[in-house]
Amino acid sequence: MSKIEIIFVVDPMCSWCWGFAPVIEQLCATQSDTYDFSLVVGGLRTKGEMTWDESSKRYLKGHWEEVAKRTGQPFSNVLFEKEDFEYDTYPACKAVVAVRELWGDEKSFDYLHRVQKAFYDEGRDITKLDVLSELLEETGGDVKSFRDFYQTPRAELLMQHDFAKARSMGANAFPSVVIIDEDGHMVCQKGYRTFLEMEKLLKEEDA
């Protein structure tokens, strides 16, 4: 009998996705016998979509404080000290997709959470390939294989496929949780939930 599939649709530079990271980790650790878990990246914001100025910094800071208060996740303010920053989520998205393609779903979850922590808790610039490579090395990955694949047209194609898949599933807000049962019926739940709320949701879907 096939397992129910749970797809987490996230973006590495989405603050609510960082808030949701411990919930994903706990679900994968405790429910893997019941569900098949996988990741799809969403592509929150590309180059040029956000002007980096005092207004955008205030907006982000307020948003992050709200997420921290609700979820308990740590946030650093190092980013707001930067004079220039391109809030482009595509490099980190492509990096997660590359890791998933090269080493599978489990490794992609580990890498995603390392990248999120680096950005939100440590203030590192995850729009840079060198930083993304360092983070892969920290998780025990082969940096040369990663960098080689990251720079191929296939990596870009797979990332764009993820974006299209997210839209096709109705996951146009992050994080989203897509539940696909044994018969192929799909439900998309949008927004942050606690672990207890997720447990309740999954029980309802199983009923």
N, C-alpha and C. Protein backbone atom coordinates (compact mmCIF):
# COMPACT_ATOMS: atom_id res chain seq x y z
N MET A 1 0.84 -1.20 0.00
CA MET A 1 0.00 0.00 0.00
C MET A 1 0.88 1.25 0.00
N SER A 2 0.61 2.17 -0.91
CA SER A 2 1.43 3.37 -1.02
C SER A 2 1.11 4.35 0.10
N LYS A 3 2.11 5.14 0.43
CA LYS A 3 1.94 6.13 1.49
C LYS A 3 1.28 7.38 0.94
N ILE A 4 0.65 8.15 1.85
CA ILE A 4 0.18 9.48 1.50
C ILE A 4 1.39 10.38 1.29
N GLU A 5 1.34 11.21 0.26
CA GLU A 5 2.46 12.10 -0.07
C GLU A 5 2.22 13.49 0.53
N ILE A 6 3.22 14.00 1.20
CA ILE A 6 3.18 15.36 1.75
C ILE A 6 4.27 16.19 1.07
N ILE A 7 3.86 17.23 0.37
CA ILE A 7 4.81 18.11 -0.31
C ILE A 7 4.83 19.46 0.41
N PHE A 8 5.99 19.84 0.90
CA PHE A 8 6.16 21.16 1.52
C PHE A 8 6.62 22.13 0.43
N VAL A 9 5.83 23.17 0.20
CA VAL A 9 6.19 24.19 -0.79
C VAL A 9 6.72 25.40 -0.02
N VAL A 10 8.00 25.69 -0.20
CA VAL A 10 8.66 26.71 0.61
C VAL A 10 9.59 27.55 -0.26
N ASP A 11 10.09 28.61 0.34
CA ASP A 11 11.16 29.39 -0.27
C ASP A 11 12.21 29.61 0.82
N PRO A 12 13.49 29.40 0.52
CA PRO A 12 14.53 29.53 1.55
C PRO A 12 14.60 30.92 2.18
N MET A 13 14.11 31.95 1.49
CA MET A 13 14.16 33.31 2.02
C MET A 13 12.78 33.84 2.38
N CYS A 14 11.87 32.93 2.68
CA CYS A 14 10.55 33.28 3.20
C CYS A 14 10.58 33.12 4.71
N SER A 15 10.30 34.20 5.44
CA SER A 15 10.44 34.16 6.90
C SER A 15 9.46 33.20 7.57
N TRP A 16 8.25 33.10 7.04
CA TRP A 16 7.29 32.14 7.61
C TRP A 16 7.73 30.71 7.37
N CYS A 17 8.46 30.48 6.27
CA CYS A 17 9.01 29.14 6.01
C CYS A 17 10.10 28.81 7.03
N TRP A 18 10.90 29.82 7.40
CA TRP A 18 11.89 29.63 8.47
C TRP A 18 11.16 29.35 9.78
N GLY A 19 10.08 30.04 10.05
CA GLY A 19 9.28 29.75 11.24
C GLY A 19 8.72 28.34 11.24
N PHE A 20 8.45 27.83 10.05
CA PHE A 20 7.84 26.50 9.88
C PHE A 20 8.89 25.38 9.89
N ALA A 21 10.18 25.74 9.80
CA ALA A 21 11.25 24.74 9.67
C ALA A 21 11.24 23.70 10.79
N PRO A 22 11.10 24.08 12.07
CA PRO A 22 11.08 23.05 13.13
C PRO A 22 9.88 22.10 13.01
N VAL A 23 8.77 22.60 12.49
CA VAL A 23 7.58 21.76 12.31
C VAL A 23 7.86 20.71 11.23
N ILE A 24 8.48 21.15 10.12
CA ILE A 24 8.85 20.21 9.06
C ILE A 24 9.81 19.16 9.61
N GLU A 25 10.81 19.60 10.36
CA GLU A 25 11.80 18.67 10.91
C GLU A 25 11.13 17.64 11.82
N GLN A 26 10.21 18.10 12.67
CA GLN A 26 9.54 17.20 13.60
C GLN A 26 8.63 16.21 12.86
N LEU A 27 7.93 16.70 11.86
CA LEU A 27 7.07 15.81 11.07
C LEU A 27 7.89 14.74 10.36
N CYS A 28 8.99 15.14 9.74
CA CYS A 28 9.84 14.18 9.03
C CYS A 28 10.44 13.15 10.00
N ALA A 29 10.75 13.60 11.21
CA ALA A 29 11.36 12.72 12.20
C ALA A 29 10.37 11.73 12.79
N THR A 30 9.10 12.12 12.89
CA THR A 30 8.13 11.29 13.62
C THR A 30 7.10 10.61 12.74
N GLN A 31 6.94 11.07 11.49
CA GLN A 31 5.84 10.57 10.66
C GLN A 31 6.29 9.93 9.35
N SER A 32 7.58 9.65 9.23
CA SER A 32 8.08 9.15 7.94
C SER A 32 7.59 7.74 7.63
N ASP A 33 7.15 6.99 8.65
CA ASP A 33 6.60 5.66 8.39
C ASP A 33 5.22 5.74 7.74
N THR A 34 4.55 6.88 7.95
CA THR A 34 3.18 7.04 7.46
C THR A 34 3.11 7.83 6.16
N TYR A 35 4.02 8.79 6.00
CA TYR A 35 3.95 9.71 4.86
C TYR A 35 5.27 9.74 4.10
N ASP A 36 5.19 10.02 2.81
CA ASP A 36 6.36 10.33 2.00
C ASP A 36 6.48 11.85 1.92
N PHE A 37 7.60 12.40 2.40
CA PHE A 37 7.80 13.84 2.43
C PHE A 37 8.73 14.29 1.30
N SER A 38 8.38 15.40 0.67
CA SER A 38 9.26 15.98 -0.35
C SER A 38 9.14 17.50 -0.34
N LEU A 39 10.08 18.14 -1.02
CA LEU A 39 10.16 19.60 -1.07
C LEU A 39 9.93 20.11 -2.49
N VAL A 40 9.23 21.24 -2.59
CA VAL A 40 9.15 22.01 -3.82
C VAL A 40 9.45 23.46 -3.45
N VAL A 41 10.32 24.12 -4.22
CA VAL A 41 10.63 25.53 -3.93
C VAL A 41 9.71 26.44 -4.74
N GLY A 42 9.40 27.60 -4.14
CA GLY A 42 8.37 28.44 -4.71
C GLY A 42 8.80 29.65 -5.51
N GLY A 43 10.02 30.17 -5.26
CA GLY A 43 10.45 31.37 -6.00
C GLY A 43 9.75 32.62 -5.53
N LEU A 44 10.00 33.01 -4.30
CA LEU A 44 9.30 34.13 -3.68
C LEU A 44 9.57 35.47 -4.37
N ARG A 45 10.83 35.74 -4.62
CA ARG A 45 11.16 37.09 -5.12
C ARG A 45 12.43 37.03 -5.95
N THR A 46 12.39 37.61 -7.12
CA THR A 46 13.57 37.61 -7.98
C THR A 46 14.24 38.98 -7.97
N LYS A 47 15.37 39.04 -8.60
CA LYS A 47 16.21 40.24 -8.63
C LYS A 47 15.40 41.44 -9.13
N GLY A 48 15.52 42.54 -8.40
CA GLY A 48 14.87 43.78 -8.82
C GLY A 48 13.45 43.97 -8.31
N GLU A 49 12.88 42.97 -7.65
CA GLU A 49 11.49 43.09 -7.20
C GLU A 49 11.36 43.92 -5.93
N MET A 50 12.44 44.01 -5.15
CA MET A 50 12.39 44.81 -3.92
C MET A 50 13.51 45.84 -3.93
N THR A 51 13.14 47.10 -3.80
CA THR A 51 14.13 48.16 -3.66
C THR A 51 14.67 48.13 -2.23
N TRP A 52 16.00 48.11 -2.09
CA TRP A 52 16.61 48.03 -0.77
C TRP A 52 16.78 49.44 -0.21
N ASP A 53 15.86 49.84 0.65
CA ASP A 53 15.92 51.17 1.26
C ASP A 53 15.36 51.08 2.68
N GLU A 54 15.27 52.21 3.35
CA GLU A 54 14.82 52.19 4.74
C GLU A 54 13.39 51.68 4.87
N SER A 55 12.57 51.96 3.89
CA SER A 55 11.18 51.50 3.92
C SER A 55 11.10 49.98 3.86
N SER A 56 11.84 49.38 2.93
CA SER A 56 11.80 47.91 2.80
C SER A 56 12.43 47.25 4.02
N LYS A 57 13.47 47.87 4.59
CA LYS A 57 14.09 47.32 5.80
C LYS A 57 13.09 47.33 6.96
N ARG A 58 12.37 48.43 7.12
CA ARG A 58 11.36 48.52 8.20
C ARG A 58 10.28 47.46 8.01
N TYR A 59 9.84 47.30 6.76
CA TYR A 59 8.81 46.31 6.46
C TYR A 59 9.29 44.91 6.84
N LEU A 60 10.49 44.55 6.38
CA LEU A 60 11.01 43.22 6.66
C LEU A 60 11.24 43.01 8.15
N LYS A 61 11.80 44.02 8.81
CA LYS A 61 12.10 43.88 10.23
C LYS A 61 10.82 43.63 11.02
N GLY A 62 9.78 44.40 10.70
CA GLY A 62 8.50 44.21 11.39
C GLY A 62 7.92 42.83 11.13
N HIS A 63 8.05 42.39 9.90
CA HIS A 63 7.54 41.07 9.51
C HIS A 63 8.29 39.97 10.26
N TRP A 64 9.61 40.11 10.31
CA TRP A 64 10.42 39.10 11.00
C TRP A 64 10.11 39.06 12.49
N GLU A 65 9.89 40.21 13.07
CA GLU A 65 9.55 40.25 14.50
C GLU A 65 8.23 39.53 14.76
N GLU A 66 7.29 39.67 13.84
CA GLU A 66 6.00 38.98 13.96
C GLU A 66 6.20 37.46 13.89
N VAL A 67 7.02 37.01 12.94
CA VAL A 67 7.27 35.58 12.79
C VAL A 67 8.00 35.04 14.02
N ALA A 68 8.97 35.79 14.52
CA ALA A 68 9.72 35.36 15.71
C ALA A 68 8.80 35.21 16.91
N LYS A 69 7.90 36.16 17.08
CA LYS A 69 6.98 36.13 18.21
C LYS A 69 6.04 34.93 18.12
N ARG A 70 5.57 34.63 16.92
CA ARG A 70 4.61 33.53 16.74
C ARG A 70 5.28 32.16 16.82
N THR A 71 6.49 32.06 16.28
CA THR A 71 7.10 30.74 16.11
C THR A 71 8.23 30.44 17.09
N GLY A 72 8.84 31.49 17.66
CA GLY A 72 9.98 31.28 18.55
C GLY A 72 11.30 31.11 17.84
N GLN A 73 11.30 31.23 16.51
CA GLN A 73 12.54 31.08 15.75
C GLN A 73 13.42 32.33 15.90
N PRO A 74 14.76 32.14 15.92
CA PRO A 74 15.67 33.28 16.08
C PRO A 74 15.88 34.04 14.77
N PHE A 75 16.03 35.36 14.88
CA PHE A 75 16.31 36.22 13.74
C PHE A 75 17.43 37.18 14.10
N SER A 76 18.38 37.34 13.19
CA SER A 76 19.46 38.31 13.32
C SER A 76 19.10 39.58 12.55
N ASN A 77 19.58 40.72 13.02
CA ASN A 77 19.35 41.99 12.31
C ASN A 77 20.54 42.41 11.46
N VAL A 78 21.50 41.50 11.27
CA VAL A 78 22.71 41.82 10.50
C VAL A 78 22.35 42.30 9.09
N LEU A 79 21.35 41.69 8.48
CA LEU A 79 20.98 42.04 7.10
C LEU A 79 20.66 43.52 6.97
N PHE A 80 20.03 44.09 7.99
CA PHE A 80 19.57 45.48 7.89
C PHE A 80 20.70 46.49 8.02
N GLU A 81 21.90 46.00 8.32
CA GLU A 81 23.08 46.89 8.37
C GLU A 81 23.70 47.05 6.98
N LYS A 82 23.25 46.25 6.03
CA LYS A 82 23.82 46.32 4.68
C LYS A 82 23.29 47.55 3.94
N GLU A 83 24.20 48.25 3.28
CA GLU A 83 23.81 49.40 2.46
C GLU A 83 23.11 48.93 1.19
N ASP A 84 23.61 47.83 0.63
CA ASP A 84 23.05 47.28 -0.61
C ASP A 84 22.78 45.79 -0.41
N PHE A 85 21.63 45.35 -0.88
CA PHE A 85 21.30 43.93 -0.84
C PHE A 85 20.24 43.65 -1.88
N GLU A 86 20.46 42.60 -2.66
CA GLU A 86 19.50 42.19 -3.68
C GLU A 86 18.70 41.01 -3.13
N TYR A 87 17.45 41.26 -2.75
CA TYR A 87 16.64 40.21 -2.12
C TYR A 87 16.12 39.27 -3.21
N ASP A 88 17.05 38.47 -3.71
CA ASP A 88 16.77 37.54 -4.81
C ASP A 88 16.77 36.12 -4.25
N THR A 89 15.64 35.47 -4.23
CA THR A 89 15.55 34.14 -3.63
C THR A 89 15.91 33.01 -4.60
N TYR A 90 16.11 33.34 -5.87
CA TYR A 90 16.35 32.30 -6.87
C TYR A 90 17.64 31.51 -6.65
N PRO A 91 18.77 32.15 -6.29
CA PRO A 91 19.99 31.35 -6.08
C PRO A 91 19.80 30.26 -5.01
N ALA A 92 19.20 30.62 -3.89
CA ALA A 92 18.99 29.64 -2.82
C ALA A 92 17.99 28.57 -3.25
N CYS A 93 16.96 28.97 -3.99
CA CYS A 93 16.01 27.99 -4.52
C CYS A 93 16.71 26.98 -5.42
N LYS A 94 17.55 27.50 -6.32
CA LYS A 94 18.25 26.61 -7.25
C LYS A 94 19.22 25.70 -6.51
N ALA A 95 19.82 26.21 -5.45
CA ALA A 95 20.75 25.40 -4.66
C ALA A 95 20.02 24.23 -4.00
N VAL A 96 18.85 24.48 -3.44
CA VAL A 96 18.07 23.42 -2.80
C VAL A 96 17.65 22.37 -3.84
N VAL A 97 17.22 22.85 -5.01
CA VAL A 97 16.83 21.93 -6.09
C VAL A 97 18.04 21.10 -6.54
N ALA A 98 19.20 21.72 -6.63
CA ALA A 98 20.41 20.99 -7.03
C ALA A 98 20.75 19.89 -6.04
N VAL A 99 20.66 20.21 -4.76
CA VAL A 99 20.94 19.21 -3.72
C VAL A 99 19.92 18.08 -3.78
N ARG A 100 18.69 18.41 -3.98
CA ARG A 100 17.64 17.37 -4.09
C ARG A 100 17.89 16.46 -5.29
N GLU A 101 18.27 17.05 -6.41
CA GLU A 101 18.52 16.26 -7.62
C GLU A 101 19.74 15.36 -7.46
N LEU A 102 20.77 15.87 -6.79
CA LEU A 102 22.01 15.12 -6.67
C LEU A 102 21.96 14.06 -5.57
N TRP A 103 21.28 14.39 -4.45
CA TRP A 103 21.38 13.52 -3.27
C TRP A 103 20.03 13.14 -2.64
N GLY A 104 18.93 13.58 -3.22
CA GLY A 104 17.64 13.10 -2.76
C GLY A 104 16.94 14.02 -1.76
N ASP A 105 15.71 13.61 -1.40
CA ASP A 105 14.84 14.45 -0.58
C ASP A 105 15.39 14.70 0.82
N GLU A 106 15.88 13.65 1.47
CA GLU A 106 16.33 13.82 2.86
C GLU A 106 17.45 14.84 2.95
N LYS A 107 18.42 14.75 2.04
CA LYS A 107 19.53 15.71 2.04
C LYS A 107 19.03 17.12 1.72
N SER A 108 18.01 17.22 0.86
CA SER A 108 17.50 18.56 0.50
C SER A 108 16.84 19.22 1.70
N PHE A 109 16.17 18.45 2.55
CA PHE A 109 15.59 19.02 3.77
C PHE A 109 16.69 19.54 4.70
N ASP A 110 17.73 18.73 4.89
CA ASP A 110 18.84 19.14 5.77
C ASP A 110 19.49 20.42 5.24
N TYR A 111 19.70 20.45 3.93
CA TYR A 111 20.37 21.61 3.34
C TYR A 111 19.47 22.85 3.40
N LEU A 112 18.19 22.69 3.10
CA LEU A 112 17.27 23.82 3.20
C LEU A 112 17.33 24.46 4.58
N HIS A 113 17.28 23.64 5.63
CA HIS A 113 17.25 24.19 6.98
C HIS A 113 18.58 24.84 7.35
N ARG A 114 19.69 24.32 6.81
CA ARG A 114 20.99 24.96 7.05
C ARG A 114 21.05 26.32 6.36
N VAL A 115 20.53 26.39 5.14
CA VAL A 115 20.51 27.66 4.40
C VAL A 115 19.61 28.68 5.11
N GLN A 116 18.45 28.25 5.57
CA GLN A 116 17.55 29.15 6.28
C GLN A 116 18.20 29.71 7.55
N LYS A 117 18.82 28.82 8.31
CA LYS A 117 19.48 29.26 9.55
C LYS A 117 20.60 30.24 9.26
N ALA A 118 21.35 29.97 8.21
CA ALA A 118 22.45 30.87 7.84
C ALA A 118 21.94 32.27 7.54
N PHE A 119 20.83 32.36 6.83
CA PHE A 119 20.28 33.66 6.45
C PHE A 119 19.63 34.37 7.63
N TYR A 120 18.71 33.69 8.28
CA TYR A 120 17.90 34.36 9.30
C TYR A 120 18.57 34.49 10.65
N ASP A 121 19.32 33.46 11.06
CA ASP A 121 19.91 33.47 12.40
C ASP A 121 21.34 33.99 12.40
N GLU A 122 22.07 33.79 11.27
CA GLU A 122 23.48 34.14 11.23
C GLU A 122 23.79 35.34 10.35
N GLY A 123 22.80 35.80 9.58
CA GLY A 123 22.99 36.99 8.76
C GLY A 123 23.92 36.80 7.58
N ARG A 124 24.04 35.55 7.08
CA ARG A 124 24.91 35.30 5.93
C ARG A 124 24.14 35.52 4.62
N ASP A 125 24.87 35.91 3.59
CA ASP A 125 24.26 36.28 2.31
C ASP A 125 24.09 35.05 1.43
N ILE A 126 22.91 34.45 1.49
CA ILE A 126 22.67 33.21 0.74
C ILE A 126 22.27 33.47 -0.71
N THR A 127 22.43 34.70 -1.18
CA THR A 127 22.26 34.96 -2.61
C THR A 127 23.57 34.67 -3.36
N LYS A 128 24.65 34.38 -2.62
CA LYS A 128 25.98 34.16 -3.21
C LYS A 128 26.28 32.68 -3.31
N LEU A 129 26.73 32.24 -4.48
CA LEU A 129 27.06 30.83 -4.69
C LEU A 129 28.16 30.36 -3.75
N ASP A 130 29.14 31.23 -3.46
CA ASP A 130 30.22 30.83 -2.55
C ASP A 130 29.67 30.50 -1.17
N VAL A 131 28.71 31.28 -0.69
CA VAL A 131 28.11 31.03 0.63
C VAL A 131 27.28 29.75 0.58
N LEU A 132 26.51 29.58 -0.48
CA LEU A 132 25.70 28.37 -0.63
C LEU A 132 26.59 27.13 -0.69
N SER A 133 27.76 27.26 -1.29
CA SER A 133 28.71 26.14 -1.36
C SER A 133 29.30 25.84 0.01
N GLU A 134 29.63 26.89 0.76
CA GLU A 134 30.15 26.70 2.12
C GLU A 134 29.13 25.97 2.99
N LEU A 135 27.88 26.32 2.84
CA LEU A 135 26.82 25.70 3.64
C LEU A 135 26.65 24.23 3.26
N LEU A 136 26.82 23.92 1.99
CA LEU A 136 26.76 22.52 1.57
C LEU A 136 27.92 21.74 2.19
N GLU A 137 29.10 22.35 2.19
CA GLU A 137 30.27 21.69 2.78
C GLU A 137 30.03 21.42 4.26
N GLU A 138 29.37 22.37 4.93
CA GLU A 138 29.08 22.20 6.35
C GLU A 138 28.13 21.05 6.62
N THR A 139 27.31 20.70 5.62
CA THR A 139 26.38 19.58 5.79
C THR A 139 26.95 18.28 5.21
N GLY A 140 28.23 18.31 4.84
CA GLY A 140 28.89 17.09 4.38
C GLY A 140 28.71 16.77 2.91
N GLY A 141 28.37 17.78 2.10
CA GLY A 141 28.16 17.54 0.67
C GLY A 141 29.41 17.74 -0.16
N ASP A 142 29.39 17.22 -1.36
CA ASP A 142 30.49 17.35 -2.32
C ASP A 142 30.34 18.68 -3.05
N VAL A 143 31.17 19.64 -2.70
CA VAL A 143 31.03 20.99 -3.22
C VAL A 143 31.25 21.05 -4.73
N LYS A 144 32.24 20.33 -5.24
CA LYS A 144 32.51 20.39 -6.68
C LYS A 144 31.31 19.89 -7.49
N SER A 145 30.74 18.75 -7.09
CA SER A 145 29.56 18.23 -7.79
C SER A 145 28.40 19.22 -7.72
N PHE A 146 28.25 19.83 -6.57
CA PHE A 146 27.18 20.81 -6.37
C PHE A 146 27.36 22.01 -7.28
N ARG A 147 28.55 22.60 -7.26
CA ARG A 147 28.79 23.81 -8.06
C ARG A 147 28.68 23.52 -9.56
N ASP A 148 29.20 22.37 -9.97
CA ASP A 148 29.12 22.00 -11.38
C ASP A 148 27.66 21.89 -11.83
N PHE A 149 26.85 21.20 -11.02
CA PHE A 149 25.46 21.00 -11.41
C PHE A 149 24.66 22.30 -11.30
N TYR A 150 24.93 23.08 -10.26
CA TYR A 150 24.22 24.34 -10.04
C TYR A 150 24.28 25.24 -11.27
N GLN A 151 25.40 25.21 -11.96
CA GLN A 151 25.62 26.12 -13.08
C GLN A 151 25.19 25.55 -14.43
N THR A 152 24.50 24.42 -14.42
CA THR A 152 24.02 23.83 -15.67
C THR A 152 22.63 24.35 -16.02
N PRO A 153 22.27 24.33 -17.30
CA PRO A 153 20.90 24.68 -17.70
C PRO A 153 19.86 23.77 -17.04
N ARG A 154 20.23 22.51 -16.77
CA ARG A 154 19.27 21.59 -16.15
C ARG A 154 18.86 22.07 -14.75
N ALA A 155 19.79 22.60 -13.99
CA ALA A 155 19.46 23.09 -12.65
C ALA A 155 18.45 24.23 -12.74
N GLU A 156 18.65 25.13 -13.68
CA GLU A 156 17.70 26.23 -13.90
C GLU A 156 16.34 25.68 -14.32
N LEU A 157 16.36 24.71 -15.22
CA LEU A 157 15.11 24.11 -15.70
C LEU A 157 14.34 23.44 -14.57
N LEU A 158 15.04 22.70 -13.72
CA LEU A 158 14.39 22.03 -12.60
C LEU A 158 13.80 23.03 -11.61
N MET A 159 14.52 24.13 -11.38
CA MET A 159 13.99 25.18 -10.50
C MET A 159 12.71 25.77 -11.08
N GLN A 160 12.72 26.09 -12.35
CA GLN A 160 11.53 26.67 -12.98
C GLN A 160 10.38 25.66 -12.98
N HIS A 161 10.71 24.38 -13.10
CA HIS A 161 9.69 23.34 -13.03
C HIS A 161 9.05 23.32 -11.64
N ASP A 162 9.87 23.50 -10.61
CA ASP A 162 9.31 23.58 -9.25
C ASP A 162 8.35 24.75 -9.12
N PHE A 163 8.74 25.91 -9.65
CA PHE A 163 7.87 27.09 -9.57
C PHE A 163 6.53 26.81 -10.24
N ALA A 164 6.59 26.18 -11.42
CA ALA A 164 5.36 25.87 -12.16
C ALA A 164 4.52 24.83 -11.42
N LYS A 165 5.19 23.85 -10.83
CA LYS A 165 4.48 22.81 -10.07
C LYS A 165 3.76 23.42 -8.87
N ALA A 166 4.43 24.33 -8.17
CA ALA A 166 3.81 24.99 -7.03
C ALA A 166 2.54 25.71 -7.45
N ARG A 167 2.63 26.45 -8.56
CA ARG A 167 1.45 27.19 -9.05
C ARG A 167 0.34 26.22 -9.45
N SER A 168 0.71 25.12 -10.10
CA SER A 168 -0.31 24.17 -10.57
C SER A 168 -1.04 23.50 -9.41
N MET A 169 -0.36 23.40 -8.26
CA MET A 169 -0.99 22.80 -7.08
C MET A 169 -1.76 23.82 -6.25
N GLY A 170 -1.74 25.08 -6.68
CA GLY A 170 -2.43 26.13 -5.93
C GLY A 170 -1.63 26.67 -4.77
N ALA A 171 -0.36 26.32 -4.71
CA ALA A 171 0.50 26.76 -3.61
C ALA A 171 1.14 28.10 -3.95
N ASN A 172 0.34 29.14 -3.92
CA ASN A 172 0.82 30.48 -4.28
C ASN A 172 1.13 31.33 -3.06
N ALA A 173 1.17 30.71 -1.88
CA ALA A 173 1.61 31.36 -0.65
C ALA A 173 2.53 30.38 0.06
N PHE A 174 3.52 30.92 0.78
CA PHE A 174 4.52 30.04 1.41
C PHE A 174 4.55 30.27 2.92
N PRO A 175 4.68 29.19 3.71
CA PRO A 175 4.72 27.81 3.26
C PRO A 175 3.33 27.30 2.90
N SER A 176 3.29 26.31 2.03
CA SER A 176 2.07 25.56 1.75
C SER A 176 2.36 24.08 1.95
N VAL A 177 1.34 23.35 2.35
CA VAL A 177 1.46 21.90 2.52
C VAL A 177 0.46 21.25 1.57
N VAL A 178 0.96 20.45 0.65
CA VAL A 178 0.11 19.76 -0.31
C VAL A 178 0.04 18.29 0.10
N ILE A 179 -1.18 17.80 0.29
CA ILE A 179 -1.41 16.42 0.72
C ILE A 179 -2.05 15.66 -0.44
N ILE A 180 -1.40 14.58 -0.85
CA ILE A 180 -1.91 13.75 -1.96
C ILE A 180 -2.14 12.34 -1.43
N ASP A 181 -3.40 11.89 -1.46
CA ASP A 181 -3.70 10.56 -0.91
C ASP A 181 -3.42 9.45 -1.92
N GLU A 182 -3.68 8.22 -1.51
CA GLU A 182 -3.35 7.06 -2.34
C GLU A 182 -4.10 7.06 -3.66
N ASP A 183 -5.26 7.74 -3.70
CA ASP A 183 -6.06 7.80 -4.92
C ASP A 183 -5.71 9.00 -5.80
N GLY A 184 -4.73 9.79 -5.37
CA GLY A 184 -4.31 10.95 -6.14
C GLY A 184 -5.08 12.22 -5.86
N HIS A 185 -5.97 12.19 -4.87
CA HIS A 185 -6.71 13.40 -4.51
C HIS A 185 -5.76 14.36 -3.78
N MET A 186 -5.84 15.63 -4.13
CA MET A 186 -4.89 16.62 -3.63
C MET A 186 -5.60 17.71 -2.84
N VAL A 187 -5.00 18.07 -1.69
CA VAL A 187 -5.48 19.19 -0.88
C VAL A 187 -4.29 20.10 -0.63
N CYS A 188 -4.45 21.40 -0.84
CA CYS A 188 -3.38 22.37 -0.58
C CYS A 188 -3.77 23.24 0.60
N GLN A 189 -2.96 23.21 1.64
CA GLN A 189 -3.19 24.02 2.83
C GLN A 189 -2.11 25.10 2.88
N LYS A 190 -2.52 26.37 2.94
CA LYS A 190 -1.56 27.47 2.88
C LYS A 190 -1.34 28.08 4.27
N GLY A 191 -0.10 28.51 4.51
CA GLY A 191 0.21 29.26 5.71
C GLY A 191 0.85 28.44 6.81
N TYR A 192 1.41 29.16 7.76
CA TYR A 192 2.11 28.56 8.90
C TYR A 192 1.13 27.83 9.82
N ARG A 193 1.57 26.67 10.32
CA ARG A 193 0.84 25.93 11.35
C ARG A 193 1.83 25.38 12.36
N THR A 194 1.39 25.26 13.60
CA THR A 194 2.21 24.61 14.61
C THR A 194 2.23 23.11 14.35
N PHE A 195 3.11 22.40 15.06
CA PHE A 195 3.17 20.95 14.91
C PHE A 195 1.84 20.30 15.31
N LEU A 196 1.25 20.76 16.39
CA LEU A 196 -0.02 20.20 16.84
C LEU A 196 -1.13 20.46 15.82
N GLU A 197 -1.10 21.64 15.22
CA GLU A 197 -2.09 21.95 14.17
C GLU A 197 -1.89 21.07 12.95
N MET A 198 -0.63 20.80 12.62
CA MET A 198 -0.36 19.92 11.49
C MET A 198 -0.80 18.49 11.79
N GLU A 199 -0.55 18.03 13.01
CA GLU A 199 -1.01 16.68 13.38
C GLU A 199 -2.52 16.56 13.25
N LYS A 200 -3.22 17.58 13.72
CA LYS A 200 -4.68 17.58 13.63
C LYS A 200 -5.13 17.58 12.17
N LEU A 201 -4.48 18.41 11.35
CA LEU A 201 -4.82 18.49 9.93
C LEU A 201 -4.64 17.13 9.25
N LEU A 202 -3.52 16.47 9.52
CA LEU A 202 -3.24 15.20 8.87
C LEU A 202 -4.23 14.11 9.33
N LYS A 203 -4.61 14.16 10.59
CA LYS A 203 -5.62 13.20 11.07
C LYS A 203 -6.96 13.42 10.38
N GLU A 204 -7.32 14.68 10.18
CA GLU A 204 -8.57 15.00 9.48
C GLU A 204 -8.53 14.51 8.05
N GLU A 205 -7.38 14.67 7.39
CA GLU A 205 -7.25 14.23 6.01
C GLU A 205 -7.25 12.71 5.91
N ASP A 206 -6.75 12.05 6.95
CA ASP A 206 -6.73 10.58 6.96
C ASP A 206 -8.11 9.99 7.21
N ALA A 207 -8.97 10.78 7.86
CA ALA A 207 -10.29 10.24 8.28
C ALA A 207 -11.18 9.94 7.08
